Amino acid sequence: MKMFSCFGIRTRPAQPALAKDQSVVGINNVPAAGDGCHLRSPVGKEAEGSGALVRAAWRGAYGAAGKSREHGVAMQDTVSMRPSFCTWVDGSRMHFFAVFDGHGGPVVSALLRDHMHAILAEELTGAAAAHRKKQHQDEGAEVCAWKGALRQSFARADELAASAVPRGTIMGSTAVVALVVGGRILVANCGDSRAVLCRAGRAVPLSQDHKQPARPDEMAAGGVMHHNDGPTGSRALGHTFLNPEITCEPDITITARSDDDDCLILASNGLWGVISNQKACYVARKCLEDKSKNVNAPAGKEEEVRCVCAAIRLTNLAINEHSHDDISVVVLDLKVRC
């Protein structure tokens, strides 16, 4: 029996923890997805707000869905969707989306879901203060500040996760984090979850899976670790005592936004292990363009419902392809489709 979780979350300051068994929400009970449409201005348009100039950096919708690998077994994947979680020095709103694929239990992935965005907001606040003091605030310095904040956030989250793992157990999580700000998408990845951009119908991977050692120091350290329900790659969070075999350092990519961008898909290996990047993009794009999905949608929530439908459709496909892992999918609609 295939059961689903729908992680659709409205915009709000904090997300409550999901139930231990997340496989209880049927697809006919799809909630409105993330209310990203509070940002009604198109990319780059400036608007007055609270007496200060605020640039609405992203106008879009988002939604997510997932399935536990086995009915009655705790879901080890988690997702975090937090638009406008931080503001950069120029007034640009920053939007945070992430998928965490836990192993050995849901402890670390749940911790990352609840705290990673807050840790990153603290690091970005510090980076913004330092950036503001610089005489030459060029684009290169800005990008360097963002990358530094992401790396430090992963290191802090790794320490926090390791402190929560019971002694003598092996628990951890992958993490793929997308930061949408202004005309750019930053992706920080640690593990085998993945971020894929659909641009004019073509799949553009924004992260690289860490199933095999990618750097000379990783290969020298022994490369890949395999453990029953444990890490299956060279990078993960929560495994401080396994260094240097397992590292928490993320790979970071920065992609300039384009008018041709259709959507961004973040998902755990439960999807990517059985569905190709191109097929996932094709399916998600078709769902987002299908306005028949709007029939029962509340007014103003049509795009959000389509995002949830796209995430559910991708989850269904992975199930039909006999995925044996937890599946979590986040879909961000990057176009104005109303």
Protein backbone atom coordinates (compact mmCIF):
# COMPACT_ATOMS: atom_id res chain seq x y z
CA MET A 1 0.00 0.00 0.00
CA LYS A 2 1.52 3.30 -1.11
CA MET A 3 1.00 6.22 1.23
CA PHE A 4 2.09 9.82 0.83
CA SER A 5 3.11 12.84 2.80
CA CYS A 6 2.31 16.26 1.41
CA PHE A 7 4.70 18.82 2.85
CA GLY A 8 2.88 21.88 1.51
CA ILE A 9 3.49 24.72 3.97
CA ARG A 10 2.07 28.24 3.99
CA THR A 11 4.45 31.10 4.55
CA ARG A 12 5.04 31.61 8.27
CA PRO A 13 7.93 32.28 10.63
CA ALA A 14 8.38 28.68 11.73
CA GLN A 15 7.42 25.17 10.66
CA PRO A 16 6.10 22.68 13.21
CA ALA A 17 7.77 19.30 13.33
CA LEU A 18 6.04 16.73 11.15
CA ALA A 19 4.65 13.62 12.74
CA LYS A 20 7.00 10.72 13.32
CA ASP A 21 5.18 8.63 10.72
CA GLN A 22 4.82 11.06 7.86
CA SER A 23 3.04 8.65 5.51
CA VAL A 24 -0.49 9.56 6.55
CA VAL A 25 -1.70 12.34 4.22
CA GLY A 26 -3.53 11.14 1.14
CA ILE A 27 -3.12 12.83 -2.22
CA ASN A 28 -6.75 13.94 -2.16
CA ASN A 29 -6.04 16.06 0.90
CA VAL A 30 -3.44 18.26 -0.74
CA PRO A 31 -3.01 21.48 1.25
CA ALA A 32 -2.16 24.78 -0.34
CA ALA A 33 1.55 24.82 -0.93
CA GLY A 34 4.04 27.44 0.12
CA ASP A 35 2.59 30.86 -0.34
CA GLY A 36 5.52 32.26 -2.29
CA CYS A 37 3.05 34.44 -4.19
CA HIS A 38 3.15 36.99 -1.38
CA LEU A 39 6.01 38.36 -3.48
CA ARG A 40 3.86 39.62 -6.33
CA SER A 41 6.46 41.85 -7.94
CA PRO A 42 8.47 40.33 -10.79
CA VAL A 43 12.18 39.69 -10.44
CA GLY A 44 14.14 42.89 -10.02
CA LYS A 45 11.18 45.23 -9.60
CA GLU A 46 11.54 47.64 -6.72
CA ALA A 47 8.78 48.52 -4.29
CA GLU A 48 8.51 50.63 -1.21
CA GLY A 49 8.13 48.75 2.07
CA SER A 50 8.40 49.82 5.72
CA GLY A 51 10.03 53.08 4.72
CA ALA A 52 12.90 51.32 2.95
CA LEU A 53 13.53 50.25 -0.61
CA VAL A 54 12.87 46.52 -0.88
CA ARG A 55 13.46 44.52 -4.02
CA ALA A 56 11.09 41.60 -4.43
CA ALA A 57 13.74 39.15 -5.50
CA TRP A 58 11.53 36.22 -6.39
CA ARG A 59 7.93 35.87 -7.34
CA GLY A 60 7.04 32.22 -7.45
CA ALA A 61 5.25 29.30 -5.89
CA TYR A 62 6.45 26.10 -4.31
CA GLY A 63 5.21 22.77 -3.01
CA ALA A 64 6.48 19.39 -1.92
CA ALA A 65 5.49 15.78 -1.43
CA GLY A 66 7.09 12.59 -0.22
CA LYS A 67 6.72 8.92 0.64
CA SER A 68 8.36 6.77 3.28
CA ARG A 69 10.09 3.67 2.00
CA GLU A 70 7.79 1.38 3.95
CA HIS A 71 4.39 1.90 5.53
CA GLY A 72 4.67 2.12 9.30
CA VAL A 73 8.35 3.03 9.22
CA ALA A 74 9.39 6.54 10.22
CA MET A 75 10.16 8.82 7.28
CA GLN A 76 13.84 9.77 7.40
CA ASP A 77 13.67 12.53 4.76
CA THR A 78 12.66 16.07 5.70
CA VAL A 79 12.12 19.26 3.72
CA SER A 80 12.37 22.94 4.64
CA MET A 81 10.69 25.70 2.63
CA ARG A 82 11.17 29.22 4.01
CA PRO A 83 10.70 32.15 1.64
CA SER A 84 11.98 35.56 2.75
CA PHE A 85 13.90 34.01 5.64
CA CYS A 86 16.60 36.68 5.38
CA THR A 87 17.30 40.04 3.72
CA TRP A 88 20.61 41.00 2.13
CA VAL A 89 22.28 44.41 2.52
CA ASP A 90 20.71 45.82 -0.66
CA GLY A 91 17.19 44.91 0.45
CA SER A 92 16.97 41.73 -1.63
CA ARG A 93 14.92 39.05 0.03
CA MET A 94 16.58 35.66 0.29
CA HIS A 95 14.57 32.46 -0.02
CA PHE A 96 15.58 29.10 1.48
CA PHE A 97 14.57 25.63 0.26
CA ALA A 98 16.16 22.33 1.24
CA VAL A 99 15.86 18.56 1.24
CA PHE A 100 17.55 16.46 3.92
CA ASP A 101 17.89 12.68 3.43
CA GLY A 102 18.47 11.09 6.81
CA HIS A 103 20.13 7.75 7.42
CA GLY A 104 20.26 5.66 10.55
CA GLY A 105 17.07 7.38 11.71
CA PRO A 106 15.29 10.74 11.32
CA VAL A 107 17.13 12.51 14.18
CA VAL A 108 19.65 14.46 12.09
CA SER A 109 17.39 15.27 9.14
CA ALA A 110 14.70 16.59 11.53
CA LEU A 111 17.29 18.71 13.33
CA LEU A 112 18.48 20.18 10.03
CA ARG A 113 14.91 20.89 8.96
CA ASP A 114 14.29 22.86 12.14
CA HIS A 115 17.62 24.69 12.47
CA MET A 116 19.61 24.91 9.22
CA HIS A 117 17.77 27.99 7.94
CA ALA A 118 18.22 29.78 11.29
CA ILE A 119 21.94 28.99 11.35
CA LEU A 120 22.31 30.24 7.77
CA ALA A 121 20.37 33.43 8.59
CA GLU A 122 22.81 34.15 11.43
CA GLU A 123 25.81 33.58 9.17
CA LEU A 124 24.34 35.74 6.41
CA THR A 125 23.64 38.52 8.90
CA GLY A 126 27.28 38.46 9.97
CA ALA A 127 28.45 38.30 6.36
CA ALA A 128 26.20 41.24 5.48
CA ALA A 129 27.64 43.35 8.29
CA ALA A 130 31.18 42.61 7.12
CA HIS A 131 30.26 43.23 3.48
CA ARG A 132 28.69 46.57 4.34
CA LYS A 133 31.98 47.79 5.82
CA LYS A 134 33.98 47.04 2.69
CA GLN A 135 34.87 49.97 0.46
CA HIS A 136 34.42 47.95 -2.74
CA GLN A 137 31.14 46.07 -2.60
CA ASP A 138 31.39 44.43 -5.99
CA GLU A 139 29.59 41.31 -7.16
CA GLY A 140 32.62 39.13 -6.52
CA ALA A 141 32.78 40.15 -2.87
CA GLU A 142 29.06 39.54 -2.50
CA VAL A 143 29.30 36.03 -3.92
CA CYS A 144 32.29 35.29 -1.71
CA ALA A 145 30.28 36.39 1.34
CA TRP A 146 27.38 34.11 0.42
CA LYS A 147 29.64 31.13 -0.14
CA GLY A 148 31.42 31.70 3.15
CA ALA A 149 28.10 31.87 5.01
CA LEU A 150 26.92 28.63 3.42
CA ARG A 151 30.14 26.76 4.25
CA GLN A 152 30.14 27.98 7.84
CA SER A 153 26.48 27.06 8.20
CA PHE A 154 27.13 23.50 7.06
CA ALA A 155 30.03 23.21 9.53
CA ARG A 156 27.89 24.51 12.41
CA ALA A 157 24.96 22.27 11.44
CA ASP A 158 27.33 19.29 11.31
CA GLU A 159 28.52 19.96 14.86
CA LEU A 160 24.94 20.43 16.09
CA ALA A 161 23.83 17.20 14.43
CA ALA A 162 26.78 15.23 15.77
CA SER A 163 25.99 16.40 19.30
CA ALA A 164 22.44 15.05 18.98
CA VAL A 165 23.42 11.56 17.80
CA PRO A 166 23.40 8.96 20.60
CA ARG A 167 26.84 7.63 21.43
CA GLY A 168 27.73 4.45 19.56
CA THR A 169 25.24 4.97 16.74
CA ILE A 170 25.74 6.04 13.14
CA MET A 171 23.22 8.67 12.11
CA GLY A 172 23.45 11.52 9.68
CA SER A 173 21.88 13.21 6.71
CA THR A 174 22.57 14.57 3.27
CA ALA A 175 21.66 18.18 2.56
CA VAL A 176 20.87 20.04 -0.63
CA VAL A 177 20.08 23.71 0.00
CA ALA A 178 18.87 26.21 -2.59
CA LEU A 179 19.16 29.92 -1.87
CA VAL A 180 17.22 32.13 -4.30
CA VAL A 181 18.29 35.77 -4.17
CA GLY A 182 17.97 38.49 -6.78
CA GLY A 183 18.83 37.10 -10.19
CA ARG A 184 20.78 34.13 -8.86
CA ILE A 185 20.30 30.64 -7.48
CA LEU A 186 22.91 29.31 -5.07
CA VAL A 187 22.96 25.58 -4.37
CA ALA A 188 25.00 23.99 -1.61
CA ASN A 189 25.10 20.20 -1.67
CA CYS A 190 26.53 17.59 0.67
CA GLY A 191 25.62 14.01 -0.23
CA ASP A 192 23.52 12.36 -2.92
CA SER A 193 20.40 14.52 -2.87
CA ARG A 194 20.22 16.73 -5.95
CA ALA A 195 19.08 20.08 -7.37
CA VAL A 196 18.05 20.29 -11.02
CA LEU A 197 16.97 23.42 -12.89
CA CYS A 198 14.53 23.11 -15.78
CA ARG A 199 15.45 25.82 -18.30
CA ALA A 200 13.42 26.04 -21.51
CA GLY A 201 12.52 22.40 -20.98
CA ARG A 202 16.13 21.28 -20.63
CA ALA A 203 17.55 19.76 -17.43
CA VAL A 204 20.47 21.69 -15.94
CA PRO A 205 21.98 19.96 -12.88
CA LEU A 206 23.00 22.47 -10.20
CA SER A 207 24.67 19.93 -7.93
CA GLN A 208 26.87 16.88 -8.14
CA ASP A 209 26.11 13.67 -6.25
CA HIS A 210 28.74 12.64 -3.73
CA LYS A 211 28.50 8.91 -4.26
CA GLN A 212 32.18 8.65 -5.17
CA PRO A 213 35.14 10.60 -3.80
CA ALA A 214 35.42 13.79 -5.81
CA ARG A 215 38.59 15.35 -4.40
CA PRO A 216 42.13 14.01 -3.90
CA ASP A 217 41.84 14.31 -0.10
CA GLU A 218 38.60 12.31 -0.14
CA MET A 219 40.23 9.53 -2.14
CA ALA A 220 43.25 9.54 0.15
CA ALA A 221 40.95 9.31 3.17
CA GLY A 222 39.38 6.12 1.91
CA GLY A 223 36.65 7.40 -0.38
CA VAL A 224 33.18 6.04 0.09
CA MET A 225 31.73 4.51 3.23
CA HIS A 226 28.97 1.92 3.12
CA HIS A 227 26.90 1.02 6.13
CA ASN A 228 23.52 -0.58 6.64
CA ASP A 229 21.11 2.37 6.51
CA GLY A 230 24.13 4.65 6.87
CA PRO A 231 26.06 7.03 4.63
CA THR A 232 26.69 5.78 1.11
CA GLY A 233 28.86 8.65 -0.09
CA SER A 234 31.87 10.73 0.77
CA ARG A 235 29.92 13.63 2.31
CA ALA A 236 27.14 13.97 4.88
CA LEU A 237 26.28 15.89 8.05
CA GLY A 238 26.34 14.49 11.57
CA HIS A 239 29.38 12.25 11.20
CA THR A 240 32.09 14.32 12.89
CA PHE A 241 33.65 11.21 14.47
CA LEU A 242 34.00 9.63 10.98
CA ASN A 243 36.23 12.40 9.63
CA PRO A 244 38.15 12.39 7.37
CA GLU A 245 36.26 9.55 5.63
CA ILE A 246 33.04 11.57 5.72
CA THR A 247 33.14 15.35 5.38
CA CYS A 248 30.40 17.97 5.71
CA GLU A 249 31.94 20.47 3.28
CA PRO A 250 29.38 21.38 0.60
CA ASP A 251 29.95 21.94 -3.07
CA ILE A 252 28.46 25.31 -4.01
CA THR A 253 27.23 26.43 -7.42
CA ILE A 254 25.90 29.84 -8.45
CA THR A 255 23.58 30.12 -11.44
CA ALA A 256 22.32 33.33 -13.02
CA ARG A 257 18.54 33.40 -13.43
CA SER A 258 17.08 33.46 -16.93
CA ASP A 259 13.65 34.27 -18.37
CA ASP A 260 13.74 30.70 -19.73
CA ASP A 261 13.80 29.17 -16.25
CA ASP A 262 10.74 26.96 -15.72
CA CYS A 263 11.23 25.36 -12.32
CA LEU A 264 13.73 24.07 -9.81
CA ILE A 265 13.50 20.53 -8.43
CA LEU A 266 15.15 19.49 -5.16
CA ALA A 267 14.85 15.83 -4.25
CA SER A 268 16.40 13.00 -2.30
CA ASN A 269 18.00 9.95 -3.86
CA GLY A 270 14.68 8.13 -3.66
CA LEU A 271 13.71 10.07 -6.79
CA TRP A 272 17.03 10.50 -8.56
CA GLY A 273 18.00 6.86 -8.15
CA VAL A 274 15.25 5.83 -10.57
CA ILE A 275 14.23 8.98 -12.53
CA SER A 276 16.52 10.90 -14.89
CA ASN A 277 17.02 14.65 -14.64
CA GLN A 278 15.41 15.23 -18.03
CA LYS A 279 12.37 13.10 -17.31
CA ALA A 280 11.82 14.83 -13.98
CA CYS A 281 11.99 18.25 -15.66
CA TYR A 282 9.60 17.20 -18.42
CA VAL A 283 7.03 15.89 -15.94
CA ALA A 284 7.27 18.88 -13.58
CA ARG A 285 7.01 21.40 -16.42
CA LYS A 286 3.94 19.67 -17.87
CA CYS A 287 2.24 19.71 -14.45
CA LEU A 288 3.00 23.39 -13.91
CA GLU A 289 1.59 24.28 -17.33
CA ASP A 290 -1.57 22.21 -16.81
CA LYS A 291 -4.22 24.69 -15.70
CA SER A 292 -6.79 21.91 -15.31
CA LYS A 293 -5.15 21.37 -11.90
CA ASN A 294 -6.72 24.69 -10.86
CA VAL A 295 -10.29 23.39 -10.79
CA ASN A 296 -10.53 22.90 -7.02
CA ALA A 297 -7.79 25.33 -6.06
CA PRO A 298 -8.61 28.30 -3.80
CA ALA A 299 -8.48 31.64 -5.59
CA GLY A 300 -4.90 32.88 -5.76
CA LYS A 301 -3.46 29.47 -4.91
CA GLU A 302 -3.52 27.90 -8.36
CA GLU A 303 0.24 27.94 -8.83
CA GLU A 304 0.90 26.47 -5.41
CA VAL A 305 -1.49 23.57 -6.05
CA ARG A 306 0.24 22.86 -9.36
CA CYS A 307 3.59 22.70 -7.56
CA VAL A 308 2.23 20.14 -5.11
CA CYS A 309 0.71 18.16 -7.98
CA ALA A 310 4.08 18.17 -9.76
CA ALA A 311 5.83 16.91 -6.61
CA ILE A 312 3.23 14.16 -6.16
CA ARG A 313 3.50 13.16 -9.81
CA LEU A 314 7.27 12.79 -9.51
CA THR A 315 6.87 10.78 -6.31
CA ASN A 316 4.40 8.50 -8.09
CA LEU A 317 6.85 7.97 -10.94
CA ALA A 318 9.61 6.97 -8.54
CA ILE A 319 7.27 4.48 -6.85
CA ASN A 320 6.32 3.01 -10.21
CA GLU A 321 10.02 2.63 -10.99
CA HIS A 322 10.36 0.60 -7.77
CA SER A 323 12.32 3.07 -5.70
CA HIS A 324 13.21 1.42 -2.38
CA ASP A 325 14.26 4.60 -0.58
CA ASP A 326 12.37 7.43 1.09
CA ILE A 327 11.30 9.96 -1.53
CA SER A 328 11.08 13.72 -0.96
CA VAL A 329 10.52 16.24 -3.74
CA VAL A 330 10.35 20.05 -3.65
CA VAL A 331 9.23 21.90 -6.78
CA LEU A 332 9.69 25.66 -7.20
CA ASP A 333 7.78 27.34 -10.03
CA LEU A 334 10.09 30.06 -11.35
CA LYS A 335 7.65 31.55 -13.86
CA VAL A 336 4.63 33.82 -13.55
CA ARG A 337 1.77 31.63 -14.77
CA CYS A 338 -1.42 33.26 -13.40
